[in-house]
């Protein structure tokens, strides 16, 4: 009787589990489509013609295809590729320096034997509640530090993030037992060797997560360039594309005030499709960074789920 009862129970669990698994997979597929379809829609619109958008609006099946928006962007020539290089350089260098500072600061806050731990924790947390304001920040960066028309102006103001420091400290606290550090100290390991050889390999998921968020912040930033950059050779991609879109929008909105001949030329500018093309130019490069961080982020999500 007991064996029949167990077999019947397993059969019931399998019959209940299979539909649930199918429903779960369908939900995940729908969620994935919700993430992918908007970007596909953006790409389709970027290859649509302005005439098609005027006639039928935004559609997956435009009445006329066109590459006018991309032609307009590529007319910038060397400036476009220079801005691409600036964005890549700022993102890579800024992320490396920023994550190094974040790890060192967070590791000090994680160590309970650090004498000034409470002070520096409060010092970091205080800046999340109160900021210096735009005018004092601008004066310090430009006049005191000389951050103007150079790469430092795009990197230094965003180097330290108190939020990422707190996140990294929390990750250290949840994944590293203090006994491990004590054992390393007994074996004669110094502080820097313990950090590099023992702590960092364990905390790769947390480092990867913060690195990805930092890289996205640097890649998408245009505000610092607007404040501190006037020389065209230091303009990053996002600020260049934003200026281009602003100029096109201004011309289109004021075309009636210009002249008949000029207005006719302005009306041919790819206003709507240009926005979508610029999204493609910005999003596609940074998407290649995700595969390098994906396995570490997944590992970080599953930490603590399995013991033994």
C-alpha atoms as a PDB file:
ATOM      1  CA  UNK A   1       0.000   0.000   0.000  1.00  0.00           C
ATOM      2  CA  UNK A   2       2.768   2.387   0.898  1.00  0.00           C
ATOM      3  CA  UNK A   3       4.514   1.867  -2.462  1.00  0.00           C
ATOM      4  CA  UNK A   4       1.278   2.415  -4.391  1.00  0.00           C
ATOM      5  CA  UNK A   5       0.614   5.578  -2.410  1.00  0.00           C
ATOM      6  CA  UNK A   6       4.128   6.936  -3.147  1.00  0.00           C
ATOM      7  CA  UNK A   7       3.824   6.129  -6.887  1.00  0.00           C
ATOM      8  CA  UNK A   8       0.387   7.768  -7.030  1.00  0.00           C
ATOM      9  CA  UNK A   9       1.735  10.857  -5.217  1.00  0.00           C
ATOM     10  CA  UNK A  10       4.673  11.151  -7.656  1.00  0.00           C
ATOM     11  CA  UNK A  11       2.297  10.824 -10.590  1.00  0.00           C
ATOM     12  CA  UNK A  12       0.101  13.594  -9.214  1.00  0.00           C
ATOM     13  CA  UNK A  13       3.106  15.840  -8.653  1.00  0.00           C
ATOM     14  CA  UNK A  14       4.307  15.260 -12.215  1.00  0.00           C
ATOM     15  CA  UNK A  15       0.858  15.957 -13.640  1.00  0.00           C
ATOM     16  CA  UNK A  16       0.629  19.179 -11.651  1.00  0.00           C
ATOM     17  CA  UNK A  17       4.226  20.223 -12.303  1.00  0.00           C
ATOM     18  CA  UNK A  18       4.207  19.935 -16.090  1.00  0.00           C
ATOM     19  CA  UNK A  19       1.426  22.498 -16.737  1.00  0.00           C
ATOM     20  CA  UNK A  20       2.995  24.820 -14.204  1.00  0.00           C
ATOM     21  CA  UNK A  21       6.329  24.554 -15.989  1.00  0.00           C
ATOM     22  CA  UNK A  22       4.675  25.262 -19.344  1.00  0.00           C
ATOM     23  CA  UNK A  23       2.924  28.327 -17.942  1.00  0.00           C
ATOM     24  CA  UNK A  24       6.172  29.528 -16.371  1.00  0.00           C
ATOM     25  CA  UNK A  25       8.005  29.165 -19.697  1.00  0.00           C
ATOM     26  CA  UNK A  26       5.240  31.022 -21.540  1.00  0.00           C
ATOM     27  CA  UNK A  27       5.450  33.881 -19.022  1.00  0.00           C
ATOM     28  CA  UNK A  28       9.242  34.092 -19.471  1.00  0.00           C
ATOM     29  CA  UNK A  29       8.893  34.056 -23.277  1.00  0.00           C
ATOM     30  CA  UNK A  30       6.327  36.863 -23.141  1.00  0.00           C
ATOM     31  CA  UNK A  31       8.579  38.859 -20.823  1.00  0.00           C
ATOM     32  CA  UNK A  32      11.536  38.365 -23.188  1.00  0.00           C
ATOM     33  CA  UNK A  33       9.414  39.520 -26.121  1.00  0.00           C
ATOM     34  CA  UNK A  34       8.370  42.618 -24.179  1.00  0.00           C
ATOM     35  CA  UNK A  35      12.061  43.459 -23.814  1.00  0.00           C
ATOM     36  CA  UNK A  36      13.086  42.656 -27.401  1.00  0.00           C
ATOM     37  CA  UNK A  37      10.140  43.924 -29.471  1.00  0.00           C
ATOM     38  CA  UNK A  38      10.542  47.633 -28.535  1.00  0.00           C
ATOM     39  CA  UNK A  39      14.162  47.629 -29.673  1.00  0.00           C
ATOM     40  CA  UNK A  40      13.239  45.822 -32.914  1.00  0.00           C
ATOM     41  CA  UNK A  41      10.529  48.454 -33.404  1.00  0.00           C
ATOM     42  CA  UNK A  42      13.116  51.211 -32.954  1.00  0.00           C
ATOM     43  CA  UNK A  43      15.355  49.629 -35.604  1.00  0.00           C
ATOM     44  CA  UNK A  44      12.428  49.341 -38.053  1.00  0.00           C
ATOM     45  CA  UNK A  45      11.472  52.979 -37.545  1.00  0.00           C
ATOM     46  CA  UNK A  46      15.081  54.091 -38.042  1.00  0.00           C
ATOM     47  CA  UNK A  47      14.961  52.504 -41.522  1.00  0.00           C
ATOM     48  CA  UNK A  48      11.580  54.019 -42.353  1.00  0.00           C
ATOM     49  CA  UNK A  49      11.136  57.140 -44.425  1.00  0.00           C
ATOM     50  CA  UNK A  50       9.746  60.380 -43.054  1.00  0.00           C
ATOM     51  CA  UNK A  51       6.989  60.230 -45.674  1.00  0.00           C
ATOM     52  CA  UNK A  52       5.901  56.826 -44.389  1.00  0.00           C
ATOM     53  CA  UNK A  53       5.705  58.119 -40.826  1.00  0.00           C
ATOM     54  CA  UNK A  54       3.607  61.090 -41.930  1.00  0.00           C
ATOM     55  CA  UNK A  55       1.213  58.797 -43.792  1.00  0.00           C
ATOM     56  CA  UNK A  56       0.716  55.791 -41.496  1.00  0.00           C
ATOM     57  CA  UNK A  57       2.664  56.745 -38.366  1.00  0.00           C
ATOM     58  CA  UNK A  58       5.038  54.367 -36.614  1.00  0.00           C
ATOM     59  CA  UNK A  59       4.624  50.857 -37.960  1.00  0.00           C
ATOM     60  CA  UNK A  60       6.431  47.533 -38.168  1.00  0.00           C
ATOM     61  CA  UNK A  61       5.618  47.579 -41.891  1.00  0.00           C
ATOM     62  CA  UNK A  62       6.407  51.057 -43.268  1.00  0.00           C
ATOM     63  CA  UNK A  63       5.158  52.011 -46.711  1.00  0.00           C
ATOM     64  CA  UNK A  64       8.665  53.079 -47.709  1.00  0.00           C
ATOM     65  CA  UNK A  65      12.122  52.118 -46.449  1.00  0.00           C
ATOM     66  CA  UNK A  66      14.954  54.635 -46.194  1.00  0.00           C
ATOM     67  CA  UNK A  67      18.480  55.032 -44.819  1.00  0.00           C
ATOM     68  CA  UNK A  68      18.338  58.828 -44.802  1.00  0.00           C
ATOM     69  CA  UNK A  69      18.764  59.022 -41.030  1.00  0.00           C
ATOM     70  CA  UNK A  70      21.954  56.952 -41.127  1.00  0.00           C
ATOM     71  CA  UNK A  71      23.281  58.931 -44.085  1.00  0.00           C
ATOM     72  CA  UNK A  72      22.721  62.120 -42.119  1.00  0.00           C
ATOM     73  CA  UNK A  73      24.667  60.750 -39.126  1.00  0.00           C
ATOM     74  CA  UNK A  74      27.551  59.427 -41.243  1.00  0.00           C
ATOM     75  CA  UNK A  75      27.971  62.853 -42.879  1.00  0.00           C
ATOM     76  CA  UNK A  76      29.720  63.937 -39.689  1.00  0.00           C
ATOM     77  CA  UNK A  77      32.664  61.820 -40.858  1.00  0.00           C
ATOM     78  CA  UNK A  78      35.703  61.871 -38.576  1.00  0.00           C
ATOM     79  CA  UNK A  79      33.876  63.646 -35.764  1.00  0.00           C
ATOM     80  CA  UNK A  80      31.535  60.669 -35.331  1.00  0.00           C
ATOM     81  CA  UNK A  81      34.381  58.165 -34.974  1.00  0.00           C
ATOM     82  CA  UNK A  82      36.301  60.542 -32.726  1.00  0.00           C
ATOM     83  CA  UNK A  83      33.284  60.791 -30.444  1.00  0.00           C
ATOM     84  CA  UNK A  84      32.934  57.010 -30.469  1.00  0.00           C
ATOM     85  CA  UNK A  85      36.560  56.716 -29.359  1.00  0.00           C
ATOM     86  CA  UNK A  86      36.013  59.305 -26.615  1.00  0.00           C
ATOM     87  CA  UNK A  87      33.009  57.422 -25.248  1.00  0.00           C
ATOM     88  CA  UNK A  88      34.832  54.087 -25.271  1.00  0.00           C
ATOM     89  CA  UNK A  89      37.931  55.596 -23.669  1.00  0.00           C
ATOM     90  CA  UNK A  90      35.998  57.406 -20.946  1.00  0.00           C
ATOM     91  CA  UNK A  91      33.850  54.348 -20.227  1.00  0.00           C
ATOM     92  CA  UNK A  92      36.760  51.911 -19.960  1.00  0.00           C
ATOM     93  CA  UNK A  93      39.148  54.125 -17.991  1.00  0.00           C
ATOM     94  CA  UNK A  94      36.407  55.581 -15.803  1.00  0.00           C
ATOM     95  CA  UNK A  95      34.984  52.172 -14.957  1.00  0.00           C
ATOM     96  CA  UNK A  96      38.388  50.699 -14.059  1.00  0.00           C
ATOM     97  CA  UNK A  97      39.400  53.606 -11.821  1.00  0.00           C
ATOM     98  CA  UNK A  98      35.950  53.967 -10.276  1.00  0.00           C
ATOM     99  CA  UNK A  99      35.572  50.278  -9.417  1.00  0.00           C
ATOM    100  CA  UNK A 100      39.085  50.243  -7.902  1.00  0.00           C
ATOM    101  CA  UNK A 101      38.226  53.147  -5.610  1.00  0.00           C
ATOM    102  CA  UNK A 102      34.864  51.581  -4.785  1.00  0.00           C
ATOM    103  CA  UNK A 103      36.464  48.255  -3.787  1.00  0.00           C
ATOM    104  CA  UNK A 104      39.126  49.880  -1.604  1.00  0.00           C
ATOM    105  CA  UNK A 105      36.626  52.136   0.169  1.00  0.00           C
ATOM    106  CA  UNK A 106      34.037  49.362   0.629  1.00  0.00           C
ATOM    107  CA  UNK A 107      36.636  46.893   1.905  1.00  0.00           C
ATOM    108  CA  UNK A 108      37.728  49.353   4.592  1.00  0.00           C
ATOM    109  CA  UNK A 109      34.099  49.807   5.677  1.00  0.00           C
ATOM    110  CA  UNK A 110      33.625  46.033   5.721  1.00  0.00           C
ATOM    111  CA  UNK A 111      36.499  45.436   8.159  1.00  0.00           C
ATOM    112  CA  UNK A 112      35.208  45.622  11.718  1.00  0.00           C
ATOM    113  CA  UNK A 113      38.696  46.277  13.056  1.00  0.00           C
ATOM    114  CA  UNK A 114      39.020  49.502  11.045  1.00  0.00           C
ATOM    115  CA  UNK A 115      39.207  52.299  13.610  1.00  0.00           C
ATOM    116  CA  UNK A 116      37.377  54.989  11.595  1.00  0.00           C
ATOM    117  CA  UNK A 117      34.794  52.684  10.072  1.00  0.00           C
ATOM    118  CA  UNK A 118      31.761  54.513  11.505  1.00  0.00           C
ATOM    119  CA  UNK A 119      33.040  57.929  10.448  1.00  0.00           C
ATOM    120  CA  UNK A 120      33.700  56.972   6.824  1.00  0.00           C
ATOM    121  CA  UNK A 121      30.411  55.073   6.611  1.00  0.00           C
ATOM    122  CA  UNK A 122      28.547  58.168   7.725  1.00  0.00           C
ATOM    123  CA  UNK A 123      30.711  60.306   5.437  1.00  0.00           C
ATOM    124  CA  UNK A 124      29.632  58.238   2.405  1.00  0.00           C
ATOM    125  CA  UNK A 125      25.996  57.997   3.498  1.00  0.00           C
ATOM    126  CA  UNK A 126      25.734  61.744   4.189  1.00  0.00           C
ATOM    127  CA  UNK A 127      26.539  62.594   0.571  1.00  0.00           C
ATOM    128  CA  UNK A 128      23.559  60.528  -0.600  1.00  0.00           C
ATOM    129  CA  UNK A 129      21.250  62.811   1.390  1.00  0.00           C
ATOM    130  CA  UNK A 130      22.833  66.217   0.749  1.00  0.00           C
ATOM    131  CA  UNK A 131      24.649  67.453  -2.359  1.00  0.00           C
ATOM    132  CA  UNK A 132      26.854  70.460  -2.873  1.00  0.00           C
ATOM    133  CA  UNK A 133      24.687  71.914  -5.620  1.00  0.00           C
ATOM    134  CA  UNK A 134      25.490  72.696  -9.228  1.00  0.00           C
ATOM    135  CA  UNK A 135      27.229  76.058  -8.772  1.00  0.00           C
ATOM    136  CA  UNK A 136      29.767  74.964  -6.093  1.00  0.00           C
ATOM    137  CA  UNK A 137      30.432  71.701  -7.933  1.00  0.00           C
ATOM    138  CA  UNK A 138      31.034  73.559 -11.191  1.00  0.00           C
ATOM    139  CA  UNK A 139      33.389  76.036  -9.515  1.00  0.00           C
ATOM    140  CA  UNK A 140      35.405  73.301  -7.795  1.00  0.00           C
ATOM    141  CA  UNK A 141      35.688  71.130 -10.905  1.00  0.00           C
ATOM    142  CA  UNK A 142      36.454  73.852 -13.422  1.00  0.00           C
ATOM    143  CA  UNK A 143      38.324  76.515 -11.472  1.00  0.00           C
ATOM    144  CA  UNK A 144      39.972  74.585  -8.648  1.00  0.00           C
ATOM    145  CA  UNK A 145      40.668  71.248 -10.372  1.00  0.00           C
ATOM    146  CA  UNK A 146      40.980  72.575 -13.923  1.00  0.00           C
ATOM    147  CA  UNK A 147      38.527  70.060 -15.374  1.00  0.00           C
ATOM    148  CA  UNK A 148      37.821  71.702 -18.706  1.00  0.00           C
ATOM    149  CA  UNK A 149      38.329  70.429 -22.274  1.00  0.00           C
ATOM    150  CA  UNK A 150      40.102  67.243 -21.211  1.00  0.00           C
ATOM    151  CA  UNK A 151      39.265  63.611 -20.502  1.00  0.00           C
ATOM    152  CA  UNK A 152      39.547  64.173 -16.758  1.00  0.00           C
ATOM    153  CA  UNK A 153      36.467  66.395 -16.946  1.00  0.00           C
ATOM    154  CA  UNK A 154      34.449  63.415 -18.207  1.00  0.00           C
ATOM    155  CA  UNK A 155      35.867  60.927 -15.683  1.00  0.00           C
ATOM    156  CA  UNK A 156      36.745  62.552 -12.343  1.00  0.00           C
ATOM    157  CA  UNK A 157      33.345  64.086 -11.340  1.00  0.00           C
ATOM    158  CA  UNK A 158      31.670  60.672 -11.559  1.00  0.00           C
ATOM    159  CA  UNK A 159      34.450  58.555 -10.064  1.00  0.00           C
ATOM    160  CA  UNK A 160      32.994  57.941  -6.598  1.00  0.00           C
ATOM    161  CA  UNK A 161      29.434  56.741  -6.065  1.00  0.00           C
ATOM    162  CA  UNK A 162      28.376  56.371  -2.400  1.00  0.00           C
ATOM    163  CA  UNK A 163      25.530  54.089  -3.453  1.00  0.00           C
ATOM    164  CA  UNK A 164      27.898  51.629  -5.175  1.00  0.00           C
ATOM    165  CA  UNK A 165      30.217  51.742  -2.151  1.00  0.00           C
ATOM    166  CA  UNK A 166      27.376  50.757   0.170  1.00  0.00           C
ATOM    167  CA  UNK A 167      26.278  48.015  -2.238  1.00  0.00           C
ATOM    168  CA  UNK A 168      29.827  46.631  -2.430  1.00  0.00           C
ATOM    169  CA  UNK A 169      30.261  46.759   1.346  1.00  0.00           C
ATOM    170  CA  UNK A 170      26.990  44.867   1.765  1.00  0.00           C
ATOM    171  CA  UNK A 171      28.168  42.279  -0.735  1.00  0.00           C
ATOM    172  CA  UNK A 172      31.425  41.839   1.193  1.00  0.00           C
ATOM    173  CA  UNK A 173      29.495  41.409   4.443  1.00  0.00           C
ATOM    174  CA  UNK A 174      27.107  38.807   3.018  1.00  0.00           C
ATOM    175  CA  UNK A 175      29.636  36.667   1.132  1.00  0.00           C
ATOM    176  CA  UNK A 176      32.909  36.806   3.111  1.00  0.00           C
ATOM    177  CA  UNK A 177      33.187  35.254   6.591  1.00  0.00           C
ATOM    178  CA  UNK A 178      35.476  37.112   8.976  1.00  0.00           C
ATOM    179  CA  UNK A 179      37.119  33.816   9.922  1.00  0.00           C
ATOM    180  CA  UNK A 180      38.568  33.668   6.403  1.00  0.00           C
ATOM    181  CA  UNK A 181      40.366  36.981   6.885  1.00  0.00           C
ATOM    182  CA  UNK A 182      41.592  35.915  10.332  1.00  0.00           C
ATOM    183  CA  UNK A 183      42.962  32.669   8.872  1.00  0.00           C
ATOM    184  CA  UNK A 184      44.771  34.620   6.135  1.00  0.00           C
ATOM    185  CA  UNK A 185      46.282  36.947   8.753  1.00  0.00           C
ATOM    186  CA  UNK A 186      47.492  33.971  10.804  1.00  0.00           C
ATOM    187  CA  UNK A 187      49.171  32.568   7.693  1.00  0.00           C
ATOM    188  CA  UNK A 188      51.080  35.842   7.317  1.00  0.00           C
ATOM    189  CA  UNK A 189      49.055  37.425   4.514  1.00  0.00           C
ATOM    190  CA  UNK A 190      49.077  41.225   4.419  1.00  0.00           C
ATOM    191  CA  UNK A 191      46.029  43.412   3.864  1.00  0.00           C
ATOM    192  CA  UNK A 192      46.565  44.022   0.151  1.00  0.00           C
ATOM    193  CA  UNK A 193      47.457  40.388  -0.537  1.00  0.00           C
ATOM    194  CA  UNK A 194      44.348  39.232   1.333  1.00  0.00           C
ATOM    195  CA  UNK A 195      42.217  41.612  -0.697  1.00  0.00           C
ATOM    196  CA  UNK A 196      43.688  40.685  -4.081  1.00  0.00           C
ATOM    197  CA  UNK A 197      44.267  36.955  -3.635  1.00  0.00           C
ATOM    198  CA  UNK A 198      41.341  35.960  -1.419  1.00  0.00           C
ATOM    199  CA  UNK A 199      38.582  38.585  -1.304  1.00  0.00           C
ATOM    200  CA  UNK A 200      38.359  39.660  -4.954  1.00  0.00           C
ATOM    201  CA  UNK A 201      38.010  36.132  -6.427  1.00  0.00           C
ATOM    202  CA  UNK A 202      35.101  35.460  -4.058  1.00  0.00           C
ATOM    203  CA  UNK A 203      33.347  38.743  -4.818  1.00  0.00           C
ATOM    204  CA  UNK A 204      33.527  38.633  -8.621  1.00  0.00           C
ATOM    205  CA  UNK A 205      29.704  38.681  -8.987  1.00  0.00           C
ATOM    206  CA  UNK A 206      29.385  41.862  -6.930  1.00  0.00           C
ATOM    207  CA  UNK A 207      32.292  43.520  -8.717  1.00  0.00           C
ATOM    208  CA  UNK A 208      30.817  42.580 -12.106  1.00  0.00           C
ATOM    209  CA  UNK A 209      27.418  44.019 -11.172  1.00  0.00           C
ATOM    210  CA  UNK A 210      28.813  47.333  -9.949  1.00  0.00           C
ATOM    211  CA  UNK A 211      31.193  47.504 -12.927  1.00  0.00           C
ATOM    212  CA  UNK A 212      28.317  47.067 -15.364  1.00  0.00           C
ATOM    213  CA  UNK A 213      26.255  49.795 -13.680  1.00  0.00           C
ATOM    214  CA  UNK A 214      29.268  52.122 -13.643  1.00  0.00           C
ATOM    215  CA  UNK A 215      30.029  51.449 -17.309  1.00  0.00           C
ATOM    216  CA  UNK A 216      26.426  52.200 -18.242  1.00  0.00           C
ATOM    217  CA  UNK A 217      26.563  55.467 -16.306  1.00  0.00           C
ATOM    218  CA  UNK A 218      29.731  56.586 -18.088  1.00  0.00           C
ATOM    219  CA  UNK A 219      28.516  55.447 -21.507  1.00  0.00           C
ATOM    220  CA  UNK A 220      25.164  57.244 -21.259  1.00  0.00           C
ATOM    221  CA  UNK A 221      26.504  60.440 -19.697  1.00  0.00           C
ATOM    222  CA  UNK A 222      26.252  63.661 -21.676  1.00  0.00           C
ATOM    223  CA  UNK A 223      25.729  66.103 -18.808  1.00  0.00           C
ATOM    224  CA  UNK A 224      29.411  66.421 -17.872  1.00  0.00           C
ATOM    225  CA  UNK A 225      30.318  67.106 -21.505  1.00  0.00           C
ATOM    226  CA  UNK A 226      27.692  69.850 -21.649  1.00  0.00           C
ATOM    227  CA  UNK A 227      29.224  71.528 -18.583  1.00  0.00           C
ATOM    228  CA  UNK A 228      32.946  71.167 -19.156  1.00  0.00           C
ATOM    229  CA  UNK A 229      33.652  70.408 -22.841  1.00  0.00           C
ATOM    230  CA  UNK A 230      33.906  72.991 -25.622  1.00  0.00           C
ATOM    231  CA  UNK A 231      36.667  71.455 -27.710  1.00  0.00           C
ATOM    232  CA  UNK A 232      35.157  69.159 -30.378  1.00  0.00           C
ATOM    233  CA  UNK A 233      37.934  66.569 -30.061  1.00  0.00           C
ATOM    234  CA  UNK A 234      36.799  65.682 -26.498  1.00  0.00           C
ATOM    235  CA  UNK A 235      33.044  65.489 -27.188  1.00  0.00           C
ATOM    236  CA  UNK A 236      31.629  62.010 -26.367  1.00  0.00           C
ATOM    237  CA  UNK A 237      29.150  60.255 -28.607  1.00  0.00           C
ATOM    238  CA  UNK A 238      26.053  60.883 -26.493  1.00  0.00           C
ATOM    239  CA  UNK A 239      26.583  64.647 -26.349  1.00  0.00           C
ATOM    240  CA  UNK A 240      27.340  64.801 -30.077  1.00  0.00           C
ATOM    241  CA  UNK A 241      24.155  62.932 -30.982  1.00  0.00           C
ATOM    242  CA  UNK A 242      22.095  64.996 -28.563  1.00  0.00           C
ATOM    243  CA  UNK A 243      23.365  68.217 -30.170  1.00  0.00           C
ATOM    244  CA  UNK A 244      22.574  66.851 -33.622  1.00  0.00           C
ATOM    245  CA  UNK A 245      19.012  65.974 -32.656  1.00  0.00           C
ATOM    246  CA  UNK A 246      18.498  69.372 -31.009  1.00  0.00           C
ATOM    247  CA  UNK A 247      19.679  71.176 -34.140  1.00  0.00           C
ATOM    248  CA  UNK A 248      17.377  69.157 -36.406  1.00  0.00           C
ATOM    249  CA  UNK A 249      14.388  69.703 -34.109  1.00  0.00           C
ATOM    250  CA  UNK A 250      15.079  73.439 -33.992  1.00  0.00           C
ATOM    251  CA  UNK A 251      15.246  73.693 -37.777  1.00  0.00           C
ATOM    252  CA  UNK A 252      12.075  71.670 -38.292  1.00  0.00           C
ATOM    253  CA  UNK A 253      10.072  73.673 -35.738  1.00  0.00           C
ATOM    254  CA  UNK A 254      11.210  77.004 -37.152  1.00  0.00           C
ATOM    255  CA  UNK A 255      11.171  76.091 -40.839  1.00  0.00           C
ATOM    256  CA  UNK A 256       8.144  78.317 -41.488  1.00  0.00           C
ATOM    257  CA  UNK A 257      10.100  81.383 -40.312  1.00  0.00           C
ATOM    258  CA  UNK A 258      13.080  80.720 -42.579  1.00  0.00           C
ATOM    259  CA  UNK A 259      12.306  81.056 -46.294  1.00  0.00           C
ATOM    260  CA  UNK A 260      10.455  78.960 -48.817  1.00  0.00           C
ATOM    261  CA  UNK A 261      13.564  77.435 -50.383  1.00  0.00           C
ATOM    262  CA  UNK A 262      15.295  76.714 -47.097  1.00  0.00           C
ATOM    263  CA  UNK A 263      12.055  75.434 -45.574  1.00  0.00           C
ATOM    264  CA  UNK A 264      11.730  72.918 -48.395  1.00  0.00           C
ATOM    265  CA  UNK A 265      15.204  71.568 -47.606  1.00  0.00           C
ATOM    266  CA  UNK A 266      14.539  71.506 -43.866  1.00  0.00           C
ATOM    267  CA  UNK A 267      11.319  69.562 -44.377  1.00  0.00           C
ATOM    268  CA  UNK A 268      13.385  66.721 -45.851  1.00  0.00           C
ATOM    269  CA  UNK A 269      15.470  66.331 -42.711  1.00  0.00           C
ATOM    270  CA  UNK A 270      14.933  62.985 -40.938  1.00  0.00           C
ATOM    271  CA  UNK A 271      13.504  64.286 -37.693  1.00  0.00           C
ATOM    272  CA  UNK A 272      11.576  61.269 -36.381  1.00  0.00           C
ATOM    273  CA  UNK A 273      13.747  58.555 -37.905  1.00  0.00           C
ATOM    274  CA  UNK A 274      16.903  60.314 -36.710  1.00  0.00           C
ATOM    275  CA  UNK A 275      15.844  59.852 -33.085  1.00  0.00           C
ATOM    276  CA  UNK A 276      15.569  56.110 -33.593  1.00  0.00           C
ATOM    277  CA  UNK A 277      18.837  55.908 -35.510  1.00  0.00           C
ATOM    278  CA  UNK A 278      20.600  57.700 -32.668  1.00  0.00           C
ATOM    279  CA  UNK A 279      19.176  55.163 -30.204  1.00  0.00           C
ATOM    280  CA  UNK A 280      20.671  52.385 -32.331  1.00  0.00           C
ATOM    281  CA  UNK A 281      24.070  54.114 -32.408  1.00  0.00           C
ATOM    282  CA  UNK A 282      24.075  54.429 -28.611  1.00  0.00           C
ATOM    283  CA  UNK A 283      22.546  51.101 -27.548  1.00  0.00           C
ATOM    284  CA  UNK A 284      24.200  48.586 -29.885  1.00  0.00           C
ATOM    285  CA  UNK A 285      27.833  49.027 -28.688  1.00  0.00           C
ATOM    286  CA  UNK A 286      27.023  48.780 -24.981  1.00  0.00           C
ATOM    287  CA  UNK A 287      24.962  45.611 -25.477  1.00  0.00           C
ATOM    288  CA  UNK A 288      28.173  43.753 -26.287  1.00  0.00           C
ATOM    289  CA  UNK A 289      29.285  44.319 -22.682  1.00  0.00           C
ATOM    290  CA  UNK A 290      26.472  42.230 -21.214  1.00  0.00           C
ATOM    291  CA  UNK A 291      27.808  38.764 -22.219  1.00  0.00           C
ATOM    292  CA  UNK A 292      31.041  39.454 -20.319  1.00  0.00           C
ATOM    293  CA  UNK A 293      29.160  40.252 -17.095  1.00  0.00           C
ATOM    294  CA  UNK A 294      26.185  37.891 -17.395  1.00  0.00           C
ATOM    295  CA  UNK A 295      27.627  34.778 -15.760  1.00  0.00           C
ATOM    296  CA  UNK A 296      28.999  36.757 -12.816  1.00  0.00           C
ATOM    297  CA  UNK A 297      25.681  38.541 -12.259  1.00  0.00           C
ATOM    298  CA  UNK A 298      23.802  35.228 -12.336  1.00  0.00           C
ATOM    299  CA  UNK A 299      26.315  33.792  -9.852  1.00  0.00           C
ATOM    300  CA  UNK A 300      25.705  36.770  -7.584  1.00  0.00           C
ATOM    301  CA  UNK A 301      21.938  36.211  -7.687  1.00  0.00           C
ATOM    302  CA  UNK A 302      22.336  32.569  -6.662  1.00  0.00           C
ATOM    303  CA  UNK A 303      24.823  33.103  -3.824  1.00  0.00           C
ATOM    304  CA  UNK A 304      23.443  31.558  -0.656  1.00  0.00           C
ATOM    305  CA  UNK A 305      20.755  29.523  -2.446  1.00  0.00           C
ATOM    306  CA  UNK A 306      22.759  26.290  -2.108  1.00  0.00           C
ATOM    307  CA  UNK A 307      24.776  25.317   0.940  1.00  0.00           C
ATOM    308  CA  UNK A 308      27.035  22.384   1.599  1.00  0.00           C
END
